[in-house]
Protein backbone atom coordinates (compact mmCIF):
# COMPACT_ATOMS: atom_id res chain seq x y z
CA UNK A 1 -6.32 -6.55 -3.11
CA UNK A 2 -2.59 -6.09 -3.01
CA UNK A 3 -1.42 -9.16 -4.85
CA UNK A 4 2.55 -8.91 -5.49
CA UNK A 5 4.10 -12.21 -5.28
CA UNK A 6 4.09 -14.00 -8.95
CA UNK A 7 5.82 -17.34 -10.01
CA UNK A 8 5.98 -19.20 -13.10
CA UNK A 9 2.75 -20.77 -12.05
CA UNK A 10 0.90 -17.55 -11.02
CA UNK A 11 1.59 -15.06 -13.98
CA UNK A 12 -2.26 -15.00 -14.69
CA UNK A 13 -3.10 -14.70 -10.86
CA UNK A 14 -4.80 -11.05 -11.40
CA UNK A 15 -6.84 -12.32 -14.25
CA UNK A 16 -8.01 -15.02 -12.17
CA UNK A 17 -9.19 -12.62 -9.88
CA UNK A 18 -10.74 -10.26 -12.16
CA UNK A 19 -12.96 -13.20 -13.57
CA UNK A 20 -13.99 -14.17 -10.09
CA UNK A 21 -14.74 -10.52 -9.27
CA UNK A 22 -17.21 -10.34 -12.25
CA UNK A 23 -18.54 -13.45 -11.60
CA UNK A 24 -19.52 -12.19 -8.00
CA UNK A 25 -20.42 -8.94 -8.94
CA UNK A 26 -18.39 -7.08 -6.36
CA UNK A 27 -16.78 -3.85 -6.86
CA UNK A 28 -12.71 -4.13 -6.52
CA UNK A 29 -9.57 -2.49 -7.02
CA UNK A 30 -6.94 -5.29 -8.06
CA UNK A 31 -3.42 -4.00 -7.62
CA UNK A 32 -0.63 -5.25 -9.91
CA UNK A 33 1.97 -5.58 -7.22
CA UNK A 34 5.71 -5.99 -7.68
CA UNK A 35 9.13 -7.17 -6.63
CA UNK A 36 12.17 -6.67 -8.47
CA UNK A 37 14.97 -6.28 -5.62
CA UNK A 38 15.85 -9.97 -4.29
CA UNK A 39 18.09 -10.80 -1.67
CA UNK A 40 21.12 -11.31 -3.96
CA UNK A 41 20.90 -7.41 -4.86
CA UNK A 42 20.22 -6.03 -1.41
CA UNK A 43 16.65 -6.58 -1.12
CA UNK A 44 14.08 -8.51 1.06
CA UNK A 45 12.33 -11.10 -0.99
CA UNK A 46 13.88 -14.29 -1.88
CA UNK A 47 15.45 -14.43 -5.73
CA UNK A 48 12.90 -16.81 -6.81
CA UNK A 49 10.03 -14.89 -6.33
CA UNK A 50 11.44 -11.52 -8.18
CA UNK A 51 10.40 -10.61 -11.86
CA UNK A 52 12.50 -8.52 -14.35
CA UNK A 53 11.18 -4.69 -14.36
CA UNK A 54 10.38 -5.18 -18.13
CA UNK A 55 8.33 -7.93 -17.26
CA UNK A 56 6.59 -6.25 -14.53
CA UNK A 57 5.92 -2.76 -16.47
CA UNK A 58 4.70 -4.89 -19.54
CA UNK A 59 2.22 -7.21 -17.52
CA UNK A 60 0.95 -4.13 -15.75
CA UNK A 61 0.14 -2.16 -18.86
CA UNK A 62 -1.62 -5.25 -20.01
CA UNK A 63 -3.75 -5.42 -17.20
CA UNK A 64 -4.87 -1.97 -17.41
CA UNK A 65 -5.67 -2.34 -20.77
CA UNK A 66 -7.64 -5.54 -20.23
CA UNK A 67 -9.41 -4.90 -17.00
CA UNK A 68 -9.27 -1.38 -16.01
CA UNK A 69 -12.52 0.57 -16.03
CA UNK A 70 -12.19 4.30 -15.34
CA UNK A 71 -15.79 5.15 -15.21
CA UNK A 72 -17.67 6.67 -12.29
CA UNK A 73 -18.79 3.77 -10.04
CA UNK A 74 -16.96 1.42 -11.81
CA UNK A 75 -16.92 -2.31 -10.70
CA UNK A 76 -13.42 -3.26 -11.62
CA UNK A 77 -10.18 -0.99 -11.50
CA UNK A 78 -6.46 -1.96 -11.83
CA UNK A 79 -3.92 -0.03 -9.72
CA UNK A 80 -0.27 -0.34 -9.55
CA UNK A 81 1.71 -1.22 -6.53
CA UNK A 82 5.39 -1.85 -6.26
CA UNK A 83 5.46 -3.59 -2.90
CA UNK A 84 7.89 -1.85 -0.60
CA UNK A 85 11.20 0.05 -0.40
CA UNK A 86 12.99 -3.49 0.55
CA UNK A 87 11.75 -5.08 -2.73
CA UNK A 88 11.59 -2.84 -5.52
CA UNK A 89 14.26 -0.25 -7.13
CA UNK A 90 13.84 3.52 -7.29
CA UNK A 91 13.85 3.11 -11.13
CA UNK A 92 10.80 0.83 -10.98
CA UNK A 93 9.13 3.26 -8.70
CA UNK A 94 9.40 5.95 -11.11
CA UNK A 95 8.67 4.02 -14.10
CA UNK A 96 5.19 2.54 -12.55
CA UNK A 97 4.43 6.20 -11.37
CA UNK A 98 4.90 7.12 -15.00
CA UNK A 99 2.98 4.41 -16.26
CA UNK A 100 0.09 4.97 -13.83
CA UNK A 101 -0.15 8.31 -14.85
CA UNK A 102 -0.39 7.77 -18.48
CA UNK A 103 -3.38 5.51 -17.92
CA UNK A 104 -4.93 7.57 -14.89
CA UNK A 105 -4.85 4.56 -12.37
CA UNK A 106 -3.97 4.82 -8.64
CA UNK A 107 -0.73 3.96 -7.01
CA UNK A 108 -0.19 1.89 -3.95
CA UNK A 109 2.79 0.66 -1.78
CA UNK A 110 3.72 -0.43 1.83
CA UNK A 111 5.40 2.54 3.47
CA UNK A 112 6.62 3.54 7.12
CA UNK A 113 5.56 0.16 8.60
CA UNK A 114 8.65 -0.63 10.57
CA UNK A 115 11.46 1.04 12.13
CA UNK A 116 13.96 -1.27 10.13
CA UNK A 117 12.53 0.23 6.87
CA UNK A 118 13.77 3.82 8.28
CA UNK A 119 17.03 2.22 8.73
CA UNK A 120 16.81 0.24 5.44
CA UNK A 121 15.96 3.91 3.43
CA UNK A 122 18.82 5.80 5.40
CA UNK A 123 21.42 3.34 4.57
CA UNK A 124 20.48 2.28 0.76
CA UNK A 125 18.91 5.82 -0.25
CA UNK A 126 20.49 8.40 2.12
CA UNK A 127 16.82 9.51 3.54
CA UNK A 128 13.89 8.30 5.17
CA UNK A 129 11.07 6.72 3.63
CA UNK A 130 8.64 9.77 2.84
CA UNK A 131 11.70 11.50 1.39
CA UNK A 132 12.33 8.52 -0.68
CA UNK A 133 8.69 8.72 -1.90
CA UNK A 134 9.08 11.99 -2.93
CA UNK A 135 12.42 11.48 -4.94
CA UNK A 136 10.68 8.98 -7.08
CA UNK A 137 7.61 10.88 -7.89
CA UNK A 138 5.23 9.33 -5.59
CA UNK A 139 4.27 12.05 -3.20
CA UNK A 140 0.76 12.93 -4.91
CA UNK A 141 -3.05 12.53 -4.63
CA UNK A 142 -3.04 9.34 -6.55
CA UNK A 143 -1.27 7.31 -4.14
CA UNK A 144 -2.24 5.43 -1.09
CA UNK A 145 -0.18 3.92 1.51
CA UNK A 146 -0.53 0.93 3.67
CA UNK A 147 0.11 1.25 7.37
CA UNK A 148 1.65 4.72 7.65
CA UNK A 149 3.14 4.20 11.25
CA UNK A 150 6.48 5.83 11.70
CA UNK A 151 6.08 9.27 10.32
CA UNK A 152 7.07 12.49 12.14
CA UNK A 153 4.79 15.55 12.50
CA UNK A 154 6.42 17.31 9.35
CA UNK A 155 6.06 14.23 7.32
CA UNK A 156 2.28 14.03 8.46
CA UNK A 157 1.74 17.53 7.26
CA UNK A 158 3.49 16.74 4.01
CA UNK A 159 1.07 14.04 3.39
CA UNK A 160 -1.98 16.04 3.92
CA UNK A 161 -0.65 18.96 1.67
CA UNK A 162 0.03 16.36 -0.96
CA UNK A 163 -3.22 14.44 -0.64
CA UNK A 164 -1.64 11.22 -0.08
CA UNK A 165 -3.73 8.86 1.57
CA UNK A 166 -3.02 5.96 4.07
CA UNK A 167 -4.65 2.61 5.00
CA UNK A 168 -4.59 1.70 8.82
CA UNK A 169 -4.25 -2.31 9.36
CA UNK A 170 -4.09 -2.46 13.08
CA UNK A 171 -4.39 -6.16 13.70
CA UNK A 172 -1.26 -6.69 11.51
CA UNK A 173 0.60 -3.80 13.34
CA UNK A 174 -0.36 -5.47 16.88
CA UNK A 175 0.53 -9.10 15.34
CA UNK A 176 3.90 -7.87 14.25
CA UNK A 177 4.35 -5.16 16.92
CA UNK A 178 5.27 -2.63 14.08
CA UNK A 179 3.77 0.38 16.40
CA UNK A 180 0.34 2.23 16.06
CA UNK A 181 -0.30 4.66 13.20
CA UNK A 182 -1.38 8.21 14.31
CA UNK A 183 -4.65 8.24 12.66
CA UNK A 184 -5.68 11.35 14.62
CA UNK A 185 -2.90 13.32 13.62
CA UNK A 186 -3.03 12.31 9.92
CA UNK A 187 -6.73 13.11 9.74
CA UNK A 188 -6.20 16.43 11.31
CA UNK A 189 -3.54 17.18 8.77
CA UNK A 190 -6.17 16.12 6.22
CA UNK A 191 -4.94 12.90 5.28
CA UNK A 192 -7.68 10.34 4.12
CA UNK A 193 -7.50 7.48 6.37
CA UNK A 194 -8.77 3.93 5.56
CA UNK A 195 -8.73 0.32 7.00
CA UNK A 196 -7.33 -2.60 5.91
CA UNK A 197 -6.59 -6.12 6.98
CA UNK A 198 -3.22 -6.69 5.52
CA UNK A 199 -2.27 -10.21 4.60
CA UNK A 200 -2.88 -13.52 5.85
CA UNK A 201 0.68 -13.83 7.04
CA UNK A 202 -0.02 -11.08 9.66
CA UNK A 203 -3.51 -11.09 10.42
CA UNK A 204 -5.64 -14.04 11.70
CA UNK A 205 -8.74 -13.28 9.83
CA UNK A 206 -9.53 -11.03 6.94
CA UNK A 207 -12.63 -9.45 8.53
CA UNK A 208 -13.21 -5.75 7.99
CA UNK A 209 -15.50 -5.33 10.55
CA UNK A 210 -13.41 -6.92 13.14
CA UNK A 211 -10.78 -4.55 11.98
CA UNK A 212 -13.13 -1.64 12.74
CA UNK A 213 -13.14 -2.69 16.49
CA UNK A 214 -9.40 -3.25 16.45
CA UNK A 215 -8.78 0.36 15.20
CA UNK A 216 -11.15 1.55 17.65
CA UNK A 217 -9.29 -0.01 20.75
CA UNK A 218 -5.70 0.52 19.54
CA UNK A 219 -6.38 4.24 18.75
CA UNK A 220 -7.88 4.64 22.19
CA UNK A 221 -5.01 3.30 23.67
CA UNK A 222 -2.80 5.64 21.62
CA UNK A 223 -5.13 8.87 22.39
CA UNK A 224 -7.03 8.12 25.35
CA UNK A 225 -10.93 7.24 25.53
CA UNK A 226 -12.28 10.44 25.58
CA UNK A 227 -10.64 11.62 22.21
CA UNK A 228 -11.63 8.39 20.11
CA UNK A 229 -15.37 7.51 20.15
CA UNK A 230 -17.08 4.65 18.33
CA UNK A 231 -18.17 6.65 15.12
CA UNK A 232 -14.59 7.74 14.51
CA UNK A 233 -13.86 4.06 13.62
CA UNK A 234 -16.61 3.99 11.45
CA UNK A 235 -16.28 7.44 9.59
């Protein structure tokens, strides 16, 4: 679960999630999301929902020390997840990566979801989203990305070479008309591709089995019925 919206009333949101996960005896990776780049500084989120980077990093380390279990088959793990290029600074991306690697936890963010993200990265950082990811030390096998729609062929090869994974969110991508994740090309390049439901704001339900069907149909539309079989969606 990617929780990145914190307010004064929800500072312990991930602690509450962790408690419920333990009570239900389910396996979960809870990601400590973050937003530090508000509208007044040129970012996407309203200023009222961003946090200082010192507060984000301190709480990230606290959650790892309190809840993360790094053992094989662990039921509860913590990952660190700055929200997107629109909502955090390069400095926070670098510091988060360094913190995650000190504690051997995974990293997650949204990337290459929309065409305007590409425009934002070019204007603000002078590079495309994947080049930006590399510039902040995020191009590695401890990273998985939500969406991964707008990659060119060279970028897909780089993702595979560096072991970066992608989470395909077909329903959200269709609702927002973001585009279609090139799943077959990613897998051919050696990229591990999983499925996600994204958030309630861009999905009418959070049903993973329904997402399997949506992925199957959307990838058939992209690649053709002969190339995409039912078992591909379940692989």
